Amino acid sequence: MKWTKQRLNNLFFFLGCAAVVVMLLTFDVSFIELWEHICHAGYWLIPIIGIWVVVYALNALAWKAMIEGNIGRKAPISFWRLFQLTITGYALNYATPVGGLGGEPYRIMELSKDIDKEHATSSVILYAMMHFFAHFWFWFLSIFIYLALAAAGDLPITPVIGTTLGIIVVFCLFFFYLFSRGYKNGLVKYVLGVVSRIPGLKRWTLRLWARHHEAIDNIDCQIAALYQQDTKAFYKSLVLEYFSRVVQSAEVLFMLLLFGIDNGGGLAGISITFLHSILIVSFTTLFANLIGFLPMQLGVQEGGFVLSIAALGLSAALGIFVSIICRVREIIWIAIGMLLMKVKSEK
């Protein structure tokens, strides 16, 4: 059976809808307890869910910068269509194991309607690389936020904490090196080389290379060219992606304020609480990405929130509340992403 774009679109839509059902059925609390948590959140759910409009807008602008830097001209696709594809792509990423098994192929398929397939593929790969690259900068800079708060006496610093922070620094620096190599030399051939070492996949990668080696070379050249020739687009995308994570931290800030945790109130108190929120999101996303092979990161995100919040001296019950409300937000945005998949937008 020939897989047309419409059939693939329907397949992605089915996967997303199935993910919503699975997530609803895999909460660690009963529906009565879930409803109690939602009622406790009350009107705070509006900014918690709404802040992600800003997060996804920043993601879309970062992707737009990658596309324009890659093709060397203004993107022949509207911001609103990129915004729609961003939301749907991340909805599919939430729904599938190992992150991009759903979102990235869907983005390539849709973007290839507006630009040639090679540039569509390289633009999506470039953006996916930037998305992860920004993650490492977020984790890396969060270490210095923690050290600054520890120096001010706000957070503890122990040998165990110091060792953990040191390991994270080395971890980030190592991946900074790998990303720099990927940006300078291309990534697709390197990934295919790694995949070919997996038992049972060597023949498949050799066939793929034999059929598409010219296209793969072109994609890698496009990836390397952006980093070397359009540094403005590169750093613009990086800054936008980084600040999308800072904005994302506001949802945790809202939940801390809901529980009356504001470090004395006022601008200074709320600023410190926001820095705590950044640290909570940073640790949780690091923990979740280390075990990112689980579909929807079931149980991993919850555990990350509980551990990171407890590490800041807050109650485990608060960690459970934050994780549940974040899961509710994910379900809502997955549902929105699936609906947007069926909405036609202007190019």
C-alpha atoms as a PDB file:
ATOM      1  CA  MET A   1       0.000   0.000   0.000  1.00  0.00           C
ATOM      2  CA  LYS A   2       1.358   3.408  -1.010  1.00  0.00           C
ATOM      3  CA  TRP A   3       1.569   5.780   1.933  1.00  0.00           C
ATOM      4  CA  THR A   4       0.248   9.125   0.683  1.00  0.00           C
ATOM      5  CA  LYS A   5       0.719  12.299   2.716  1.00  0.00           C
ATOM      6  CA  GLN A   6      -2.963  12.208   3.645  1.00  0.00           C
ATOM      7  CA  ARG A   7      -2.689   8.648   4.954  1.00  0.00           C
ATOM      8  CA  LEU A   8       0.419   9.563   6.932  1.00  0.00           C
ATOM      9  CA  ASN A   9      -1.418  12.590   8.300  1.00  0.00           C
ATOM     10  CA  ASN A  10      -4.238  10.319   9.441  1.00  0.00           C
ATOM     11  CA  LEU A  11      -1.729   7.914  11.021  1.00  0.00           C
ATOM     12  CA  PHE A  12      -0.099  10.738  13.006  1.00  0.00           C
ATOM     13  CA  PHE A  13      -3.565  11.937  14.028  1.00  0.00           C
ATOM     14  CA  PHE A  14      -4.482   8.446  15.282  1.00  0.00           C
ATOM     15  CA  LEU A  15      -1.212   8.187  17.270  1.00  0.00           C
ATOM     16  CA  GLY A  16      -1.869  11.509  18.954  1.00  0.00           C
ATOM     17  CA  CYS A  17      -5.449  10.647  19.852  1.00  0.00           C
ATOM     18  CA  ALA A  18      -4.333   7.264  21.209  1.00  0.00           C
ATOM     19  CA  ALA A  19      -1.701   9.037  23.324  1.00  0.00           C
ATOM     20  CA  VAL A  20      -4.341  11.260  24.927  1.00  0.00           C
ATOM     21  CA  VAL A  21      -6.355   8.175  25.903  1.00  0.00           C
ATOM     22  CA  VAL A  22      -3.261   6.403  27.278  1.00  0.00           C
ATOM     23  CA  MET A  23      -2.246   9.444  29.311  1.00  0.00           C
ATOM     24  CA  LEU A  24      -5.726   9.756  30.790  1.00  0.00           C
ATOM     25  CA  LEU A  25      -5.654   6.092  31.826  1.00  0.00           C
ATOM     26  CA  THR A  26      -2.140   6.133  33.299  1.00  0.00           C
ATOM     27  CA  PHE A  27      -2.410   8.815  35.967  1.00  0.00           C
ATOM     28  CA  ASP A  28      -0.979   7.677  39.294  1.00  0.00           C
ATOM     29  CA  VAL A  29      -4.049   9.067  41.057  1.00  0.00           C
ATOM     30  CA  SER A  30      -7.750   8.295  40.789  1.00  0.00           C
ATOM     31  CA  PHE A  31     -10.004  10.509  38.695  1.00  0.00           C
ATOM     32  CA  ILE A  32     -11.529  11.841  41.932  1.00  0.00           C
ATOM     33  CA  GLU A  33      -8.089  12.910  43.192  1.00  0.00           C
ATOM     34  CA  LEU A  34      -7.251  14.273  39.745  1.00  0.00           C
ATOM     35  CA  TRP A  35     -10.377  16.405  39.770  1.00  0.00           C
ATOM     36  CA  GLU A  36      -9.509  17.658  43.275  1.00  0.00           C
ATOM     37  CA  HIS A  37      -6.073  18.763  42.025  1.00  0.00           C
ATOM     38  CA  ILE A  38      -7.647  20.527  39.040  1.00  0.00           C
ATOM     39  CA  CYS A  39     -10.141  22.284  41.316  1.00  0.00           C
ATOM     40  CA  HIS A  40      -7.269  23.292  43.617  1.00  0.00           C
ATOM     41  CA  ALA A  41      -5.503  24.870  40.652  1.00  0.00           C
ATOM     42  CA  GLY A  42      -8.704  26.776  39.818  1.00  0.00           C
ATOM     43  CA  TYR A  43      -8.263  29.891  37.704  1.00  0.00           C
ATOM     44  CA  TRP A  44      -4.472  29.436  37.831  1.00  0.00           C
ATOM     45  CA  LEU A  45      -4.990  26.806  35.109  1.00  0.00           C
ATOM     46  CA  ILE A  46      -5.595  29.656  32.659  1.00  0.00           C
ATOM     47  CA  PRO A  47      -2.068  31.176  32.886  1.00  0.00           C
ATOM     48  CA  ILE A  48      -0.499  27.708  33.336  1.00  0.00           C
ATOM     49  CA  ILE A  49      -1.978  26.542  30.022  1.00  0.00           C
ATOM     50  CA  GLY A  50      -1.833  29.968  28.368  1.00  0.00           C
ATOM     51  CA  ILE A  51       1.889  30.541  28.963  1.00  0.00           C
ATOM     52  CA  TRP A  52       2.538  27.798  26.429  1.00  0.00           C
ATOM     53  CA  VAL A  53       1.159  30.026  23.674  1.00  0.00           C
ATOM     54  CA  VAL A  54       4.248  32.184  24.290  1.00  0.00           C
ATOM     55  CA  VAL A  55       6.549  29.128  24.546  1.00  0.00           C
ATOM     56  CA  TYR A  56       5.338  27.699  21.236  1.00  0.00           C
ATOM     57  CA  ALA A  57       5.503  31.141  19.588  1.00  0.00           C
ATOM     58  CA  LEU A  58       9.178  31.410  20.579  1.00  0.00           C
ATOM     59  CA  ASN A  59       9.764  27.874  19.265  1.00  0.00           C
ATOM     60  CA  ALA A  60       8.106  28.782  15.957  1.00  0.00           C
ATOM     61  CA  LEU A  61      10.224  31.943  15.613  1.00  0.00           C
ATOM     62  CA  ALA A  62      13.371  29.902  16.325  1.00  0.00           C
ATOM     63  CA  TRP A  63      12.364  27.379  13.650  1.00  0.00           C
ATOM     64  CA  LYS A  64      11.609  30.216  11.215  1.00  0.00           C
ATOM     65  CA  ALA A  65      15.127  31.592  11.768  1.00  0.00           C
ATOM     66  CA  MET A  66      16.557  28.133  11.023  1.00  0.00           C
ATOM     67  CA  ILE A  67      14.539  27.813   7.809  1.00  0.00           C
ATOM     68  CA  GLU A  68      15.501  31.275   6.538  1.00  0.00           C
ATOM     69  CA  GLY A  69      19.152  30.753   7.392  1.00  0.00           C
ATOM     70  CA  ASN A  70      19.078  27.380   5.650  1.00  0.00           C
ATOM     71  CA  ILE A  71      17.417  28.448   2.383  1.00  0.00           C
ATOM     72  CA  GLY A  72      19.071  31.883   2.337  1.00  0.00           C
ATOM     73  CA  ARG A  73      15.915  33.951   1.956  1.00  0.00           C
ATOM     74  CA  LYS A  74      12.643  34.804   3.663  1.00  0.00           C
ATOM     75  CA  ALA A  75      10.699  31.673   4.540  1.00  0.00           C
ATOM     76  CA  PRO A  76       7.909  30.971   1.982  1.00  0.00           C
ATOM     77  CA  ILE A  77       5.631  29.957   4.832  1.00  0.00           C
ATOM     78  CA  SER A  78       3.673  32.143   7.232  1.00  0.00           C
ATOM     79  CA  PHE A  79       4.459  32.391  10.925  1.00  0.00           C
ATOM     80  CA  TRP A  80       0.961  31.118  11.754  1.00  0.00           C
ATOM     81  CA  ARG A  81       1.467  27.940   9.731  1.00  0.00           C
ATOM     82  CA  LEU A  82       4.828  27.375  11.451  1.00  0.00           C
ATOM     83  CA  PHE A  83       3.122  28.051  14.789  1.00  0.00           C
ATOM     84  CA  GLN A  84       0.504  25.407  13.961  1.00  0.00           C
ATOM     85  CA  LEU A  85       3.134  22.866  12.850  1.00  0.00           C
ATOM     86  CA  THR A  86       5.167  23.599  15.991  1.00  0.00           C
ATOM     87  CA  ILE A  87       2.270  22.799  18.313  1.00  0.00           C
ATOM     88  CA  THR A  88       1.293  19.671  16.367  1.00  0.00           C
ATOM     89  CA  GLY A  89       4.912  18.506  16.088  1.00  0.00           C
ATOM     90  CA  TYR A  90       5.474  18.755  19.834  1.00  0.00           C
ATOM     91  CA  ALA A  91       2.126  17.074  20.484  1.00  0.00           C
ATOM     92  CA  LEU A  92       3.327  14.109  18.419  1.00  0.00           C
ATOM     93  CA  ASN A  93       6.698  14.155  20.182  1.00  0.00           C
ATOM     94  CA  TYR A  94       4.919  13.857  23.539  1.00  0.00           C
ATOM     95  CA  ALA A  95       2.953  10.925  22.147  1.00  0.00           C
ATOM     96  CA  THR A  96       5.840   8.818  20.844  1.00  0.00           C
ATOM     97  CA  PRO A  97       8.898   7.239  22.472  1.00  0.00           C
ATOM     98  CA  VAL A  98      12.367   8.729  21.815  1.00  0.00           C
ATOM     99  CA  GLY A  99      10.940  12.176  21.207  1.00  0.00           C
ATOM    100  CA  GLY A 100      11.100  12.872  17.492  1.00  0.00           C
ATOM    101  CA  LEU A 101       9.709   9.622  16.078  1.00  0.00           C
ATOM    102  CA  GLY A 102       6.428  11.404  15.414  1.00  0.00           C
ATOM    103  CA  GLY A 103       6.951  15.145  15.379  1.00  0.00           C
ATOM    104  CA  GLU A 104       9.999  15.474  13.118  1.00  0.00           C
ATOM    105  CA  PRO A 105       8.764  13.220  10.257  1.00  0.00           C
ATOM    106  CA  TYR A 106       5.441  15.072  10.352  1.00  0.00           C
ATOM    107  CA  ARG A 107       7.177  18.459  10.171  1.00  0.00           C
ATOM    108  CA  ILE A 108       9.315  17.314   7.222  1.00  0.00           C
ATOM    109  CA  MET A 109       6.235  16.010   5.416  1.00  0.00           C
ATOM    110  CA  GLU A 110       4.328  19.270   5.903  1.00  0.00           C
ATOM    111  CA  LEU A 111       7.245  21.631   5.282  1.00  0.00           C
ATOM    112  CA  SER A 112       8.063  19.840   2.008  1.00  0.00           C
ATOM    113  CA  LYS A 113       4.784  21.265   0.681  1.00  0.00           C
ATOM    114  CA  ASP A 114       6.382  24.727   0.832  1.00  0.00           C
ATOM    115  CA  ILE A 115      10.067  24.107   0.036  1.00  0.00           C
ATOM    116  CA  ASP A 116      11.992  21.246  -1.589  1.00  0.00           C
ATOM    117  CA  LYS A 117      12.277  18.059   0.423  1.00  0.00           C
ATOM    118  CA  GLU A 118      16.043  18.304   1.021  1.00  0.00           C
ATOM    119  CA  HIS A 119      15.779  21.800   2.495  1.00  0.00           C
ATOM    120  CA  ALA A 120      12.690  20.751   4.453  1.00  0.00           C
ATOM    121  CA  THR A 121      14.601  17.796   5.913  1.00  0.00           C
ATOM    122  CA  SER A 122      17.730  19.791   6.745  1.00  0.00           C
ATOM    123  CA  SER A 123      15.649  22.643   8.251  1.00  0.00           C
ATOM    124  CA  VAL A 124      13.799  20.244  10.550  1.00  0.00           C
ATOM    125  CA  ILE A 125      17.041  18.486  11.511  1.00  0.00           C
ATOM    126  CA  LEU A 126      18.708  21.849  12.181  1.00  0.00           C
ATOM    127  CA  TYR A 127      15.836  22.959  14.374  1.00  0.00           C
ATOM    128  CA  ALA A 128      15.766  19.638  16.264  1.00  0.00           C
ATOM    129  CA  MET A 129      19.508  20.002  16.882  1.00  0.00           C
ATOM    130  CA  MET A 130      18.984  23.571  18.077  1.00  0.00           C
ATOM    131  CA  HIS A 131      16.144  22.471  20.366  1.00  0.00           C
ATOM    132  CA  PHE A 132      18.443  19.986  22.109  1.00  0.00           C
ATOM    133  CA  PHE A 133      21.435  22.340  21.978  1.00  0.00           C
ATOM    134  CA  ALA A 134      19.380  24.956  23.863  1.00  0.00           C
ATOM    135  CA  HIS A 135      18.424  22.295  26.417  1.00  0.00           C
ATOM    136  CA  PHE A 136      22.110  21.824  27.281  1.00  0.00           C
ATOM    137  CA  TRP A 137      22.628  25.576  27.610  1.00  0.00           C
ATOM    138  CA  PHE A 138      19.580  25.733  29.868  1.00  0.00           C
ATOM    139  CA  TRP A 139      20.987  22.986  32.099  1.00  0.00           C
ATOM    140  CA  PHE A 140      24.491  24.456  31.996  1.00  0.00           C
ATOM    141  CA  LEU A 141      23.478  28.016  32.955  1.00  0.00           C
ATOM    142  CA  SER A 142      21.101  26.684  35.625  1.00  0.00           C
ATOM    143  CA  ILE A 143      24.147  25.404  37.491  1.00  0.00           C
ATOM    144  CA  PHE A 144      25.397  28.976  37.896  1.00  0.00           C
ATOM    145  CA  ILE A 145      21.936  30.085  39.034  1.00  0.00           C
ATOM    146  CA  TYR A 146      22.100  27.401  41.733  1.00  0.00           C
ATOM    147  CA  LEU A 147      25.638  28.429  42.752  1.00  0.00           C
ATOM    148  CA  ALA A 148      24.601  32.093  42.941  1.00  0.00           C
ATOM    149  CA  LEU A 149      21.620  31.261  45.163  1.00  0.00           C
ATOM    150  CA  ALA A 150      23.832  28.985  47.288  1.00  0.00           C
ATOM    151  CA  ALA A 151      26.382  31.782  47.701  1.00  0.00           C
ATOM    152  CA  ALA A 152      23.562  34.048  48.859  1.00  0.00           C
ATOM    153  CA  GLY A 153      22.592  31.438  51.465  1.00  0.00           C
ATOM    154  CA  ASP A 154      19.270  30.647  49.829  1.00  0.00           C
ATOM    155  CA  LEU A 155      20.100  27.057  48.814  1.00  0.00           C
ATOM    156  CA  PRO A 156      22.351  24.401  50.389  1.00  0.00           C
ATOM    157  CA  ILE A 157      25.656  23.312  48.915  1.00  0.00           C
ATOM    158  CA  THR A 158      27.009  19.949  50.072  1.00  0.00           C
ATOM    159  CA  PRO A 159      29.697  17.605  48.737  1.00  0.00           C
ATOM    160  CA  VAL A 160      26.995  15.468  47.080  1.00  0.00           C
ATOM    161  CA  ILE A 161      25.350  18.496  45.467  1.00  0.00           C
ATOM    162  CA  GLY A 162      28.732  19.897  44.400  1.00  0.00           C
ATOM    163  CA  THR A 163      29.731  16.584  42.831  1.00  0.00           C
ATOM    164  CA  THR A 164      26.384  16.324  41.018  1.00  0.00           C
ATOM    165  CA  LEU A 165      26.734  19.844  39.629  1.00  0.00           C
ATOM    166  CA  GLY A 166      30.279  19.033  38.512  1.00  0.00           C
ATOM    167  CA  ILE A 167      29.086  15.931  36.666  1.00  0.00           C
ATOM    168  CA  ILE A 168      26.393  17.969  34.912  1.00  0.00           C
ATOM    169  CA  VAL A 169      29.018  20.537  33.836  1.00  0.00           C
ATOM    170  CA  VAL A 170      31.202  17.807  32.299  1.00  0.00           C
ATOM    171  CA  PHE A 171      28.132  16.221  30.705  1.00  0.00           C
ATOM    172  CA  CYS A 172      27.113  19.518  29.080  1.00  0.00           C
ATOM    173  CA  LEU A 173      30.640  20.397  27.918  1.00  0.00           C
ATOM    174  CA  PHE A 174      30.959  16.979  26.275  1.00  0.00           C
ATOM    175  CA  PHE A 175      27.746  17.464  24.346  1.00  0.00           C
ATOM    176  CA  PHE A 176      28.693  21.033  23.403  1.00  0.00           C
ATOM    177  CA  TYR A 177      31.698  19.462  21.682  1.00  0.00           C
ATOM    178  CA  LEU A 178      29.550  16.871  19.894  1.00  0.00           C
ATOM    179  CA  PHE A 179      27.091  19.534  18.717  1.00  0.00           C
ATOM    180  CA  SER A 180      29.920  21.716  17.406  1.00  0.00           C
ATOM    181  CA  ARG A 181      31.172  18.785  15.330  1.00  0.00           C
ATOM    182  CA  GLY A 182      27.673  18.102  14.052  1.00  0.00           C
ATOM    183  CA  TYR A 183      27.151  21.731  13.061  1.00  0.00           C
ATOM    184  CA  LYS A 184      30.542  21.986  11.357  1.00  0.00           C
ATOM    185  CA  ASN A 185      30.509  18.666   9.487  1.00  0.00           C
ATOM    186  CA  GLY A 186      26.841  17.691   9.190  1.00  0.00           C
ATOM    187  CA  LEU A 187      25.015  15.099  11.220  1.00  0.00           C
ATOM    188  CA  VAL A 188      23.085  12.673   9.017  1.00  0.00           C
ATOM    189  CA  LYS A 189      26.060  10.587   7.869  1.00  0.00           C
ATOM    190  CA  TYR A 190      27.351  10.416  11.430  1.00  0.00           C
ATOM    191  CA  VAL A 191      23.969   9.226  12.738  1.00  0.00           C
ATOM    192  CA  LEU A 192      23.717   6.618   9.964  1.00  0.00           C
ATOM    193  CA  GLY A 193      27.178   5.385  10.935  1.00  0.00           C
ATOM    194  CA  VAL A 194      26.061   4.959  14.538  1.00  0.00           C
ATOM    195  CA  VAL A 195      22.814   3.229  13.494  1.00  0.00           C
ATOM    196  CA  SER A 196      24.739   0.836  11.211  1.00  0.00           C
ATOM    197  CA  ARG A 197      26.518  -0.548  14.289  1.00  0.00           C
ATOM    198  CA  ILE A 198      23.215  -1.622  15.841  1.00  0.00           C
ATOM    199  CA  PRO A 199      22.666  -5.364  15.278  1.00  0.00           C
ATOM    200  CA  GLY A 200      20.214  -5.993  12.442  1.00  0.00           C
ATOM    201  CA  LEU A 201      20.291  -2.439  11.044  1.00  0.00           C
ATOM    202  CA  LYS A 202      23.558  -2.483   9.066  1.00  0.00           C
ATOM    203  CA  ARG A 203      21.966  -3.743   5.826  1.00  0.00           C
ATOM    204  CA  TRP A 204      19.130  -1.233   6.124  1.00  0.00           C
ATOM    205  CA  THR A 205      21.521   1.707   6.520  1.00  0.00           C
ATOM    206  CA  LEU A 206      23.659   0.503   3.597  1.00  0.00           C
ATOM    207  CA  ARG A 207      20.553   0.302   1.361  1.00  0.00           C
ATOM    208  CA  LEU A 208      19.463   3.761   2.529  1.00  0.00           C
ATOM    209  CA  TRP A 209      22.901   5.175   1.761  1.00  0.00           C
ATOM    210  CA  ALA A 210      23.014   3.508  -1.670  1.00  0.00           C
ATOM    211  CA  ARG A 211      19.632   4.965  -2.641  1.00  0.00           C
ATOM    212  CA  HIS A 212      19.919   8.429  -1.146  1.00  0.00           C
ATOM    213  CA  HIS A 213      23.633   9.174  -0.678  1.00  0.00           C
ATOM    214  CA  GLU A 214      23.493  12.286  -2.858  1.00  0.00           C
ATOM    215  CA  ALA A 215      20.521  13.727  -0.965  1.00  0.00           C
ATOM    216  CA  ILE A 216      22.172  12.861   2.385  1.00  0.00           C
ATOM    217  CA  ASP A 217      25.376  14.640   1.301  1.00  0.00           C
ATOM    218  CA  ASN A 218      23.345  17.704   0.296  1.00  0.00           C
ATOM    219  CA  ILE A 219      21.498  17.759   3.623  1.00  0.00           C
ATOM    220  CA  ASP A 220      24.757  17.542   5.580  1.00  0.00           C
ATOM    221  CA  CYS A 221      26.239  20.327   3.441  1.00  0.00           C
ATOM    222  CA  GLN A 222      23.212  22.506   4.207  1.00  0.00           C
ATOM    223  CA  ILE A 223      23.566  21.833   7.949  1.00  0.00           C
ATOM    224  CA  ALA A 224      27.267  22.745   7.903  1.00  0.00           C
ATOM    225  CA  ALA A 225      26.674  25.790   5.678  1.00  0.00           C
ATOM    226  CA  LEU A 226      24.221  27.417   8.075  1.00  0.00           C
ATOM    227  CA  TYR A 227      26.628  27.271  11.018  1.00  0.00           C
ATOM    228  CA  GLN A 228      29.535  28.571   8.949  1.00  0.00           C
ATOM    229  CA  GLN A 229      27.775  31.213   6.813  1.00  0.00           C
ATOM    230  CA  ASP A 230      24.730  32.518   8.701  1.00  0.00           C
ATOM    231  CA  THR A 231      25.760  32.855  12.329  1.00  0.00           C
ATOM    232  CA  LYS A 232      23.093  35.527  12.864  1.00  0.00           C
ATOM    233  CA  ALA A 233      20.282  33.042  12.144  1.00  0.00           C
ATOM    234  CA  PHE A 234      22.061  30.415  14.270  1.00  0.00           C
ATOM    235  CA  TYR A 235      22.385  32.567  17.393  1.00  0.00           C
ATOM    236  CA  LYS A 236      18.952  34.133  16.947  1.00  0.00           C
ATOM    237  CA  SER A 237      17.437  30.656  16.983  1.00  0.00           C
ATOM    238  CA  LEU A 238      19.547  29.646  20.005  1.00  0.00           C
ATOM    239  CA  VAL A 239      18.508  32.708  22.048  1.00  0.00           C
ATOM    240  CA  LEU A 240      14.824  32.209  21.197  1.00  0.00           C
ATOM    241  CA  GLU A 241      14.964  28.521  22.125  1.00  0.00           C
ATOM    242  CA  TYR A 242      16.765  29.258  25.393  1.00  0.00           C
ATOM    243  CA  PHE A 243      14.245  31.885  26.453  1.00  0.00           C
ATOM    244  CA  SER A 244      11.361  29.584  25.573  1.00  0.00           C
ATOM    245  CA  ARG A 245      12.568  27.403  28.464  1.00  0.00           C
ATOM    246  CA  VAL A 246      12.819  30.402  30.757  1.00  0.00           C
ATOM    247  CA  VAL A 247       9.230  31.303  29.869  1.00  0.00           C
ATOM    248  CA  GLN A 248       8.195  27.667  30.371  1.00  0.00           C
ATOM    249  CA  SER A 249       9.410  27.945  33.971  1.00  0.00           C
ATOM    250  CA  ALA A 250       6.621  30.456  34.629  1.00  0.00           C
ATOM    251  CA  GLU A 251       4.075  27.614  34.834  1.00  0.00           C
ATOM    252  CA  VAL A 252       5.932  26.213  37.860  1.00  0.00           C
ATOM    253  CA  LEU A 253       6.129  29.745  39.300  1.00  0.00           C
ATOM    254  CA  PHE A 254       2.343  30.035  39.044  1.00  0.00           C
ATOM    255  CA  MET A 255       1.909  26.763  40.939  1.00  0.00           C
ATOM    256  CA  LEU A 256       4.362  27.783  43.670  1.00  0.00           C
ATOM    257  CA  LEU A 257       2.502  31.084  44.091  1.00  0.00           C
ATOM    258  CA  LEU A 258      -0.737  29.107  44.269  1.00  0.00           C
ATOM    259  CA  PHE A 259       0.669  27.362  47.362  1.00  0.00           C
ATOM    260  CA  GLY A 260       1.763  30.682  48.866  1.00  0.00           C
ATOM    261  CA  ILE A 261       5.472  30.060  48.195  1.00  0.00           C
ATOM    262  CA  ASP A 262       6.822  33.496  47.266  1.00  0.00           C
ATOM    263  CA  ASN A 263       9.933  33.919  49.471  1.00  0.00           C
ATOM    264  CA  GLY A 264       8.467  36.863  51.355  1.00  0.00           C
ATOM    265  CA  GLY A 265       6.608  38.409  48.447  1.00  0.00           C
ATOM    266  CA  GLY A 266       7.422  41.593  46.602  1.00  0.00           C
ATOM    267  CA  LEU A 267       9.542  41.809  43.473  1.00  0.00           C
ATOM    268  CA  ALA A 268      12.615  40.334  45.178  1.00  0.00           C
ATOM    269  CA  GLY A 269      10.716  37.376  46.658  1.00  0.00           C
ATOM    270  CA  ILE A 270       8.922  36.528  43.420  1.00  0.00           C
ATOM    271  CA  SER A 271      12.200  36.860  41.474  1.00  0.00           C
ATOM    272  CA  ILE A 272      13.863  34.301  43.759  1.00  0.00           C
ATOM    273  CA  THR A 273      10.820  32.030  43.418  1.00  0.00           C
ATOM    274  CA  PHE A 274      11.107  32.320  39.631  1.00  0.00           C
ATOM    275  CA  LEU A 275      14.782  31.312  39.809  1.00  0.00           C
ATOM    276  CA  HIS A 276      13.701  28.307  41.889  1.00  0.00           C
ATOM    277  CA  SER A 277      11.159  27.512  39.159  1.00  0.00           C
ATOM    278  CA  ILE A 278      13.896  27.591  36.525  1.00  0.00           C
ATOM    279  CA  LEU A 279      15.958  25.136  38.594  1.00  0.00           C
ATOM    280  CA  ILE A 280      12.951  22.828  39.023  1.00  0.00           C
ATOM    281  CA  VAL A 281      12.250  22.771  35.276  1.00  0.00           C
ATOM    282  CA  SER A 282      15.960  22.377  34.486  1.00  0.00           C
ATOM    283  CA  PHE A 283      16.471  19.360  36.752  1.00  0.00           C
ATOM    284  CA  THR A 284      13.186  17.754  35.706  1.00  0.00           C
ATOM    285  CA  THR A 285      13.867  18.090  31.970  1.00  0.00           C
ATOM    286  CA  LEU A 286      17.403  16.767  32.445  1.00  0.00           C
ATOM    287  CA  PHE A 287      16.076  13.745  34.325  1.00  0.00           C
ATOM    288  CA  ALA A 288      13.312  13.172  31.762  1.00  0.00           C
ATOM    289  CA  ASN A 289      15.643  13.440  28.756  1.00  0.00           C
ATOM    290  CA  LEU A 290      18.120  10.988  30.262  1.00  0.00           C
ATOM    291  CA  ILE A 291      15.294   8.421  30.231  1.00  0.00           C
ATOM    292  CA  GLY A 292      13.565   9.762  27.133  1.00  0.00           C
ATOM    293  CA  PHE A 293      12.822   6.385  25.538  1.00  0.00           C
ATOM    294  CA  LEU A 294       9.590   6.039  27.506  1.00  0.00           C
ATOM    295  CA  PRO A 295       6.460   7.119  25.605  1.00  0.00           C
ATOM    296  CA  MET A 296       5.192  10.414  27.029  1.00  0.00           C
ATOM    297  CA  GLN A 297       7.948   9.938  29.663  1.00  0.00           C
ATOM    298  CA  LEU A 298       5.342   8.253  31.831  1.00  0.00           C
ATOM    299  CA  GLY A 299       6.433   8.333  35.462  1.00  0.00           C
ATOM    300  CA  VAL A 300       9.772   9.975  34.618  1.00  0.00           C
ATOM    301  CA  GLN A 301       8.525  13.551  34.554  1.00  0.00           C
ATOM    302  CA  GLU A 302       6.534  12.992  37.745  1.00  0.00           C
ATOM    303  CA  GLY A 303       9.573  11.589  39.523  1.00  0.00           C
ATOM    304  CA  GLY A 304      11.718  14.446  38.256  1.00  0.00           C
ATOM    305  CA  PHE A 305       9.350  17.070  39.631  1.00  0.00           C
ATOM    306  CA  VAL A 306       9.120  15.377  43.025  1.00  0.00           C
ATOM    307  CA  LEU A 307      12.913  15.028  43.321  1.00  0.00           C
ATOM    308  CA  SER A 308      13.739  18.522  42.093  1.00  0.00           C
ATOM    309  CA  ILE A 309      11.150  20.193  44.333  1.00  0.00           C
ATOM    310  CA  ALA A 310      12.255  18.122  47.342  1.00  0.00           C
ATOM    311  CA  ALA A 311      15.884  19.121  46.624  1.00  0.00           C
ATOM    312  CA  LEU A 312      14.877  22.756  47.125  1.00  0.00           C
ATOM    313  CA  GLY A 313      13.450  21.918  50.546  1.00  0.00           C
ATOM    314  CA  LEU A 314       9.788  21.898  49.472  1.00  0.00           C
ATOM    315  CA  SER A 315       7.247  19.156  50.173  1.00  0.00           C
ATOM    316  CA  ALA A 316       6.875  16.038  48.034  1.00  0.00           C
ATOM    317  CA  ALA A 317       3.118  16.692  47.971  1.00  0.00           C
ATOM    318  CA  LEU A 318       3.807  19.930  46.089  1.00  0.00           C
ATOM    319  CA  GLY A 319       5.951  17.967  43.630  1.00  0.00           C
ATOM    320  CA  ILE A 320       3.088  15.553  42.994  1.00  0.00           C
ATOM    321  CA  PHE A 321       0.665  18.454  42.455  1.00  0.00           C
ATOM    322  CA  VAL A 322       3.017  20.190  39.993  1.00  0.00           C
ATOM    323  CA  SER A 323       3.603  16.963  38.044  1.00  0.00           C
ATOM    324  CA  ILE A 324      -0.129  16.217  37.783  1.00  0.00           C
ATOM    325  CA  ILE A 325      -1.070  19.718  36.625  1.00  0.00           C
ATOM    326  CA  CYS A 326       1.783  19.663  34.080  1.00  0.00           C
ATOM    327  CA  ARG A 327       0.450  16.320  32.807  1.00  0.00           C
ATOM    328  CA  VAL A 328      -3.031  17.842  32.485  1.00  0.00           C
ATOM    329  CA  ARG A 329      -1.503  20.734  30.527  1.00  0.00           C
ATOM    330  CA  GLU A 330       0.277  18.273  28.226  1.00  0.00           C
ATOM    331  CA  ILE A 331      -2.958  16.417  27.513  1.00  0.00           C
ATOM    332  CA  ILE A 332      -4.753  19.658  26.683  1.00  0.00           C
ATOM    333  CA  TRP A 333      -1.996  20.797  24.307  1.00  0.00           C
ATOM    334  CA  ILE A 334      -1.764  17.354  22.665  1.00  0.00           C
ATOM    335  CA  ALA A 335      -5.501  17.550  22.017  1.00  0.00           C
ATOM    336  CA  ILE A 336      -5.077  21.078  20.598  1.00  0.00           C
ATOM    337  CA  GLY A 337      -2.214  19.838  18.421  1.00  0.00           C
ATOM    338  CA  MET A 338      -4.333  17.003  17.056  1.00  0.00           C
ATOM    339  CA  LEU A 339      -7.175  19.404  16.229  1.00  0.00           C
ATOM    340  CA  LEU A 340      -4.760  21.784  14.482  1.00  0.00           C
ATOM    341  CA  MET A 341      -3.557  18.874  12.350  1.00  0.00           C
ATOM    342  CA  LYS A 342      -6.974  18.864  10.710  1.00  0.00           C
ATOM    343  CA  VAL A 343      -7.136  22.642  10.294  1.00  0.00           C
ATOM    344  CA  LYS A 344      -5.833  24.041   7.017  1.00  0.00           C
ATOM    345  CA  SER A 345      -3.737  27.154   7.366  1.00  0.00           C
ATOM    346  CA  GLU A 346      -2.301  29.680   4.941  1.00  0.00           C
ATOM    347  CA  LYS A 347       1.213  29.091   3.696  1.00  0.00           C
END
